[in-house]
Amino acid sequence: MNLISVTSSNLRAVGYDPYSQVLRIAFRNGTYDYYGVPKNVYDGLMSASSLGKYHDRFIKNQYRFSRI
């Protein structure tokens, strides 16, 4: 999965696979895969004015995840 560098105080890069609906987020302290994430949530993250706030509100504790 290709990751796109992002401008954020906590997130470093983001990747998404629309076929498996896996969202990968590289944070400053580790990289996580989130499972079953719809494309509109990924699109919202990538267009958010604050990626960290969007993650906290719409992704964190909403989807199963694992640290990779």
PDB file of N, CA and C in Angstrom:
ATOM      1  N   MET A   1       0.844  -1.171   0.000  1.00  0.00           N
ATOM      2  CA  MET A   1       0.000   0.000   0.000  1.00  0.00           C
ATOM      3  C   MET A   1       0.891   1.238   0.000  1.00  0.00           C
ATOM      4  N   ASN A   2       0.627   2.145  -0.898  1.00  0.00           N
ATOM      5  CA  ASN A   2       1.376   3.391  -0.953  1.00  0.00           C
ATOM      6  C   ASN A   2       0.824   4.361   0.078  1.00  0.00           C
ATOM      7  N   LEU A   3       1.731   5.016   0.779  1.00  0.00           N
ATOM      8  CA  LEU A   3       1.332   6.018   1.762  1.00  0.00           C
ATOM      9  C   LEU A   3       1.616   7.403   1.220  1.00  0.00           C
ATOM     10  N   ILE A   4       0.720   8.324   1.534  1.00  0.00           N
ATOM     11  CA  ILE A   4       0.861   9.714   1.118  1.00  0.00           C
ATOM     12  C   ILE A   4       1.268  10.521   2.343  1.00  0.00           C
ATOM     13  N   SER A   5       2.352  11.262   2.236  1.00  0.00           N
ATOM     14  CA  SER A   5       2.777  12.127   3.335  1.00  0.00           C
ATOM     15  C   SER A   5       1.725  13.203   3.568  1.00  0.00           C
ATOM     16  N   VAL A   6       1.472  13.489   4.837  1.00  0.00           N
ATOM     17  CA  VAL A   6       0.482  14.504   5.188  1.00  0.00           C
ATOM     18  C   VAL A   6       1.102  15.507   6.147  1.00  0.00           C
ATOM     19  N   THR A   7       0.503  16.687   6.178  1.00  0.00           N
ATOM     20  CA  THR A   7       0.944  17.731   7.086  1.00  0.00           C
ATOM     21  C   THR A   7       0.071  17.672   8.330  1.00  0.00           C
ATOM     22  N   SER A   8       0.666  17.244   9.419  1.00  0.00           N
ATOM     23  CA  SER A   8      -0.069  17.077  10.673  1.00  0.00           C
ATOM     24  C   SER A   8       0.939  17.003  11.804  1.00  0.00           C
ATOM     25  N   SER A   9       0.516  17.419  12.985  1.00  0.00           N
ATOM     26  CA  SER A   9       1.425  17.347  14.127  1.00  0.00           C
ATOM     27  C   SER A   9       1.588  15.919  14.640  1.00  0.00           C
ATOM     28  N   ASN A  10       0.614  15.039  14.366  1.00  0.00           N
ATOM     29  CA  ASN A  10       0.674  13.675  14.887  1.00  0.00           C
ATOM     30  C   ASN A  10       0.742  12.613  13.794  1.00  0.00           C
ATOM     31  N   LEU A  11       0.089  12.850  12.662  1.00  0.00           N
ATOM     32  CA  LEU A  11       0.088  11.888  11.563  1.00  0.00           C
ATOM     33  C   LEU A  11       1.227  12.210  10.602  1.00  0.00           C
ATOM     34  N   ARG A  12       1.899  11.162  10.120  1.00  0.00           N
ATOM     35  CA  ARG A  12       2.980  11.360   9.150  1.00  0.00           C
ATOM     36  C   ARG A  12       2.552  11.032   7.738  1.00  0.00           C
ATOM     37  N   ALA A  13       1.759   9.938   7.580  1.00  0.00           N
ATOM     38  CA  ALA A  13       1.373   9.488   6.242  1.00  0.00           C
ATOM     39  C   ALA A  13       0.098   8.656   6.339  1.00  0.00           C
ATOM     40  N   VAL A  14      -0.627   8.593   5.202  1.00  0.00           N
ATOM     41  CA  VAL A  14      -1.900   7.873   5.146  1.00  0.00           C
ATOM     42  C   VAL A  14      -1.962   7.082   3.851  1.00  0.00           C
ATOM     43  N   GLY A  15      -2.494   5.868   3.926  1.00  0.00           N
ATOM     44  CA  GLY A  15      -2.739   5.050   2.743  1.00  0.00           C
ATOM     45  C   GLY A  15      -4.097   4.391   2.850  1.00  0.00           C
ATOM     46  N   TYR A  16      -4.660   4.001   1.701  1.00  0.00           N
ATOM     47  CA  TYR A  16      -5.985   3.376   1.707  1.00  0.00           C
ATOM     48  C   TYR A  16      -6.092   2.384   0.567  1.00  0.00           C
ATOM     49  N   ASP A  17      -6.661   1.225   0.871  1.00  0.00           N
ATOM     50  CA  ASP A  17      -6.958   0.212  -0.142  1.00  0.00           C
ATOM     51  C   ASP A  17      -8.476   0.085  -0.230  1.00  0.00           C
ATOM     52  N   PRO A  18      -9.075   0.600  -1.315  1.00  0.00           N
ATOM     53  CA  PRO A  18     -10.538   0.583  -1.419  1.00  0.00           C
ATOM     54  C   PRO A  18     -11.126  -0.815  -1.553  1.00  0.00           C
ATOM     55  N   TYR A  19     -10.349  -1.768  -2.036  1.00  0.00           N
ATOM     56  CA  TYR A  19     -10.871  -3.128  -2.222  1.00  0.00           C
ATOM     57  C   TYR A  19     -11.016  -3.865  -0.898  1.00  0.00           C
ATOM     58  N   SER A  20     -10.028  -3.727  -0.035  1.00  0.00           N
ATOM     59  CA  SER A  20     -10.101  -4.380   1.277  1.00  0.00           C
ATOM     60  C   SER A  20     -10.621  -3.440   2.363  1.00  0.00           C
ATOM     61  N   GLN A  21     -10.792  -2.173   2.020  1.00  0.00           N
ATOM     62  CA  GLN A  21     -11.240  -1.129   2.952  1.00  0.00           C
ATOM     63  C   GLN A  21     -10.326  -1.030   4.173  1.00  0.00           C
ATOM     64  N   VAL A  22      -9.029  -1.102   3.905  1.00  0.00           N
ATOM     65  CA  VAL A  22      -8.038  -0.940   4.970  1.00  0.00           C
ATOM     66  C   VAL A  22      -7.441   0.458   4.868  1.00  0.00           C
ATOM     67  N   LEU A  23      -7.506   1.171   5.972  1.00  0.00           N
ATOM     68  CA  LEU A  23      -6.907   2.497   6.090  1.00  0.00           C
ATOM     69  C   LEU A  23      -5.649   2.349   6.928  1.00  0.00           C
ATOM     70  N   ARG A  24      -4.522   2.770   6.395  1.00  0.00           N
ATOM     71  CA  ARG A  24      -3.250   2.706   7.125  1.00  0.00           C
ATOM     72  C   ARG A  24      -2.830   4.123   7.475  1.00  0.00           C
ATOM     73  N   ILE A  25      -2.549   4.327   8.741  1.00  0.00           N
ATOM     74  CA  ILE A  25      -2.098   5.636   9.202  1.00  0.00           C
ATOM     75  C   ILE A  25      -0.772   5.467   9.928  1.00  0.00           C
ATOM     76  N   ALA A  26       0.226   6.194   9.458  1.00  0.00           N
ATOM     77  CA  ALA A  26       1.525   6.237  10.127  1.00  0.00           C
ATOM     78  C   ALA A  26       1.531   7.462  11.033  1.00  0.00           C
ATOM     79  N   PHE A  27       1.540   7.205  12.322  1.00  0.00           N
ATOM     80  CA  PHE A  27       1.621   8.269  13.318  1.00  0.00           C
ATOM     81  C   PHE A  27       3.087   8.477  13.685  1.00  0.00           C
ATOM     82  N   ARG A  28       3.352   9.481  14.465  1.00  0.00           N
ATOM     83  CA  ARG A  28       4.714   9.726  14.936  1.00  0.00           C
ATOM     84  C   ARG A  28       5.204   8.561  15.805  1.00  0.00           C
ATOM     85  N   ASN A  29       4.269   7.866  16.470  1.00  0.00           N
ATOM     86  CA  ASN A  29       4.668   6.805  17.404  1.00  0.00           C
ATOM     87  C   ASN A  29       4.358   5.395  16.916  1.00  0.00           C
ATOM     88  N   GLY A  30       3.994   5.227  15.650  1.00  0.00           N
ATOM     89  CA  GLY A  30       3.706   3.889  15.134  1.00  0.00           C
ATOM     90  C   GLY A  30       2.716   3.929  13.989  1.00  0.00           C
ATOM     91  N   THR A  31       2.570   2.785  13.323  1.00  0.00           N
ATOM     92  CA  THR A  31       1.690   2.675  12.163  1.00  0.00           C
ATOM     93  C   THR A  31       0.574   1.688  12.473  1.00  0.00           C
ATOM     94  N   TYR A  32      -0.641   2.062  12.080  1.00  0.00           N
ATOM     95  CA  TYR A  32      -1.825   1.261  12.383  1.00  0.00           C
ATOM     96  C   TYR A  32      -2.648   1.033  11.126  1.00  0.00           C
ATOM     97  N   ASP A  33      -3.244  -0.156  11.037  1.00  0.00           N
ATOM     98  CA  ASP A  33      -4.233  -0.473  10.014  1.00  0.00           C
ATOM     99  C   ASP A  33      -5.606  -0.477  10.663  1.00  0.00           C
ATOM    100  N   TYR A  34      -6.553   0.178  10.012  1.00  0.00           N
ATOM    101  CA  TYR A  34      -7.949   0.197  10.444  1.00  0.00           C
ATOM    102  C   TYR A  34      -8.751  -0.557   9.399  1.00  0.00           C
ATOM    103  N   TYR A  35      -9.647  -1.439   9.846  1.00  0.00           N
ATOM    104  CA  TYR A  35     -10.339  -2.372   8.949  1.00  0.00           C
ATOM    105  C   TYR A  35     -11.808  -1.998   8.769  1.00  0.00           C
ATOM    106  N   GLY A  36     -12.289  -2.191   7.534  1.00  0.00           N
ATOM    107  CA  GLY A  36     -13.690  -1.926   7.226  1.00  0.00           C
ATOM    108  C   GLY A  36     -14.026  -0.457   7.126  1.00  0.00           C
ATOM    109  N   VAL A  37     -13.050   0.346   6.744  1.00  0.00           N
ATOM    110  CA  VAL A  37     -13.244   1.795   6.657  1.00  0.00           C
ATOM    111  C   VAL A  37     -13.774   2.147   5.263  1.00  0.00           C
ATOM    112  N   PRO A  38     -14.959   2.755   5.178  1.00  0.00           N
ATOM    113  CA  PRO A  38     -15.494   3.139   3.867  1.00  0.00           C
ATOM    114  C   PRO A  38     -14.656   4.246   3.223  1.00  0.00           C
ATOM    115  N   LYS A  39     -14.709   4.310   1.907  1.00  0.00           N
ATOM    116  CA  LYS A  39     -13.916   5.299   1.170  1.00  0.00           C
ATOM    117  C   LYS A  39     -14.278   6.724   1.565  1.00  0.00           C
ATOM    118  N   ASN A  40     -15.558   6.973   1.870  1.00  0.00           N
ATOM    119  CA  ASN A  40     -15.945   8.338   2.225  1.00  0.00           C
ATOM    120  C   ASN A  40     -15.269   8.800   3.521  1.00  0.00           C
ATOM    121  N   VAL A  41     -14.956   7.875   4.417  1.00  0.00           N
ATOM    122  CA  VAL A  41     -14.237   8.234   5.644  1.00  0.00           C
ATOM    123  C   VAL A  41     -12.788   8.586   5.306  1.00  0.00           C
ATOM    124  N   TYR A  42     -12.168   7.804   4.428  1.00  0.00           N
ATOM    125  CA  TYR A  42     -10.812   8.130   3.958  1.00  0.00           C
ATOM    126  C   TYR A  42     -10.803   9.492   3.267  1.00  0.00           C
ATOM    127  N   ASP A  43     -11.772   9.723   2.373  1.00  0.00           N
ATOM    128  CA  ASP A  43     -11.848  11.006   1.666  1.00  0.00           C
ATOM    129  C   ASP A  43     -12.019  12.160   2.650  1.00  0.00           C
ATOM    130  N   GLY A  44     -12.847  11.948   3.664  1.00  0.00           N
ATOM    131  CA  GLY A  44     -13.039  12.980   4.679  1.00  0.00           C
ATOM    132  C   GLY A  44     -11.763  13.273   5.442  1.00  0.00           C
ATOM    133  N   LEU A  45     -11.016  12.229   5.764  1.00  0.00           N
ATOM    134  CA  LEU A  45      -9.742  12.416   6.454  1.00  0.00           C
ATOM    135  C   LEU A  45      -8.789  13.245   5.606  1.00  0.00           C
ATOM    136  N   MET A  46      -8.685  12.888   4.343  1.00  0.00           N
ATOM    137  CA  MET A  46      -7.716  13.555   3.473  1.00  0.00           C
ATOM    138  C   MET A  46      -8.091  15.001   3.170  1.00  0.00           C
ATOM    139  N   SER A  47      -9.361  15.358   3.323  1.00  0.00           N
ATOM    140  CA  SER A  47      -9.780  16.736   3.053  1.00  0.00           C
ATOM    141  C   SER A  47     -10.017  17.536   4.336  1.00  0.00           C
ATOM    142  N   ALA A  48      -9.796  16.931   5.484  1.00  0.00           N
ATOM    143  CA  ALA A  48     -10.044  17.607   6.762  1.00  0.00           C
ATOM    144  C   ALA A  48      -9.017  18.706   7.014  1.00  0.00           C
ATOM    145  N   SER A  49      -9.464  19.765   7.656  1.00  0.00           N
ATOM    146  CA  SER A  49      -8.532  20.842   8.003  1.00  0.00           C
ATOM    147  C   SER A  49      -7.592  20.402   9.123  1.00  0.00           C
ATOM    148  N   SER A  50      -8.058  19.488   9.975  1.00  0.00           N
ATOM    149  CA  SER A  50      -7.214  18.904  11.020  1.00  0.00           C
ATOM    150  C   SER A  50      -7.337  17.388  10.945  1.00  0.00           C
ATOM    151  N   LEU A  51      -6.297  16.734  10.456  1.00  0.00           N
ATOM    152  CA  LEU A  51      -6.332  15.281  10.323  1.00  0.00           C
ATOM    153  C   LEU A  51      -6.428  14.600  11.683  1.00  0.00           C
ATOM    154  N   GLY A  52      -5.730  15.123  12.669  1.00  0.00           N
ATOM    155  CA  GLY A  52      -5.767  14.541  14.002  1.00  0.00           C
ATOM    156  C   GLY A  52      -7.155  14.590  14.620  1.00  0.00           C
ATOM    157  N   LYS A  53      -7.824  15.720  14.486  1.00  0.00           N
ATOM    158  CA  LYS A  53      -9.179  15.849  15.030  1.00  0.00           C
ATOM    159  C   LYS A  53     -10.148  14.946  14.284  1.00  0.00           C
ATOM    160  N   TYR A  54      -9.995  14.858  12.958  1.00  0.00           N
ATOM    161  CA  TYR A  54     -10.866  13.975  12.176  1.00  0.00           C
ATOM    162  C   TYR A  54     -10.654  12.530  12.610  1.00  0.00           C
ATOM    163  N   HIS A  55      -9.410  12.132  12.758  1.00  0.00           N
ATOM    164  CA  HIS A  55      -9.104  10.766  13.213  1.00  0.00           C
ATOM    165  C   HIS A  55      -9.761  10.496  14.564  1.00  0.00           C
ATOM    166  N   ASP A  56      -9.602  11.424  15.495  1.00  0.00           N
ATOM    167  CA  ASP A  56     -10.161  11.226  16.835  1.00  0.00           C
ATOM    168  C   ASP A  56     -11.683  11.118  16.810  1.00  0.00           C
ATOM    169  N   ARG A  57     -12.321  11.882  15.938  1.00  0.00           N
ATOM    170  CA  ARG A  57     -13.790  11.924  15.918  1.00  0.00           C
ATOM    171  C   ARG A  57     -14.424  10.802  15.099  1.00  0.00           C
ATOM    172  N   PHE A  58     -13.832  10.454  13.960  1.00  0.00           N
ATOM    173  CA  PHE A  58     -14.499   9.556  13.021  1.00  0.00           C
ATOM    174  C   PHE A  58     -13.833   8.192  12.830  1.00  0.00           C
ATOM    175  N   ILE A  59     -12.606   8.023  13.321  1.00  0.00           N
ATOM    176  CA  ILE A  59     -11.889   6.767  13.073  1.00  0.00           C
ATOM    177  C   ILE A  59     -11.523   6.071  14.379  1.00  0.00           C
ATOM    178  N   LYS A  60     -10.888   6.773  15.271  1.00  0.00           N
ATOM    179  CA  LYS A  60     -10.456   6.195  16.543  1.00  0.00           C
ATOM    180  C   LYS A  60     -11.664   5.630  17.295  1.00  0.00           C
ATOM    181  N   ASN A  61     -11.530   4.406  17.764  1.00  0.00           N
ATOM    182  CA  ASN A  61     -12.579   3.698  18.511  1.00  0.00           C
ATOM    183  C   ASN A  61     -13.827   3.391  17.685  1.00  0.00           C
ATOM    184  N   GLN A  62     -13.761   3.587  16.363  1.00  0.00           N
ATOM    185  CA  GLN A  62     -14.898   3.279  15.493  1.00  0.00           C
ATOM    186  C   GLN A  62     -14.660   2.021  14.662  1.00  0.00           C
ATOM    187  N   TYR A  63     -13.392   1.683  14.440  1.00  0.00           N
ATOM    188  CA  TYR A  63     -13.031   0.564  13.568  1.00  0.00           C
ATOM    189  C   TYR A  63     -12.019  -0.335  14.273  1.00  0.00           C
ATOM    190  N   ARG A  64     -12.095  -1.616  13.952  1.00  0.00           N
ATOM    191  CA  ARG A  64     -11.096  -2.570  14.448  1.00  0.00           C
ATOM    192  C   ARG A  64      -9.741  -2.166  13.872  1.00  0.00           C
ATOM    193  N   PHE A  65      -8.688  -2.308  14.641  1.00  0.00           N
ATOM    194  CA  PHE A  65      -7.367  -1.878  14.175  1.00  0.00           C
ATOM    195  C   PHE A  65      -6.289  -2.797  14.715  1.00  0.00           C
ATOM    196  N   SER A  66      -5.123  -2.697  14.112  1.00  0.00           N
ATOM    197  CA  SER A  66      -3.945  -3.381  14.635  1.00  0.00           C
ATOM    198  C   SER A  66      -2.724  -2.532  14.345  1.00  0.00           C
ATOM    199  N   ARG A  67      -1.771  -2.606  15.251  1.00  0.00           N
ATOM    200  CA  ARG A  67      -0.496  -1.921  15.030  1.00  0.00           C
ATOM    201  C   ARG A  67       0.353  -2.821  14.153  1.00  0.00           C
ATOM    202  N   ILE A  68       0.981  -2.236  13.165  1.00  0.00           N
ATOM    203  CA  ILE A  68       1.799  -3.046  12.258  1.00  0.00           C
ATOM    204  C   ILE A  68       3.262  -2.656  12.386  1.00  0.00           C
TER     205      ILE A  68
END
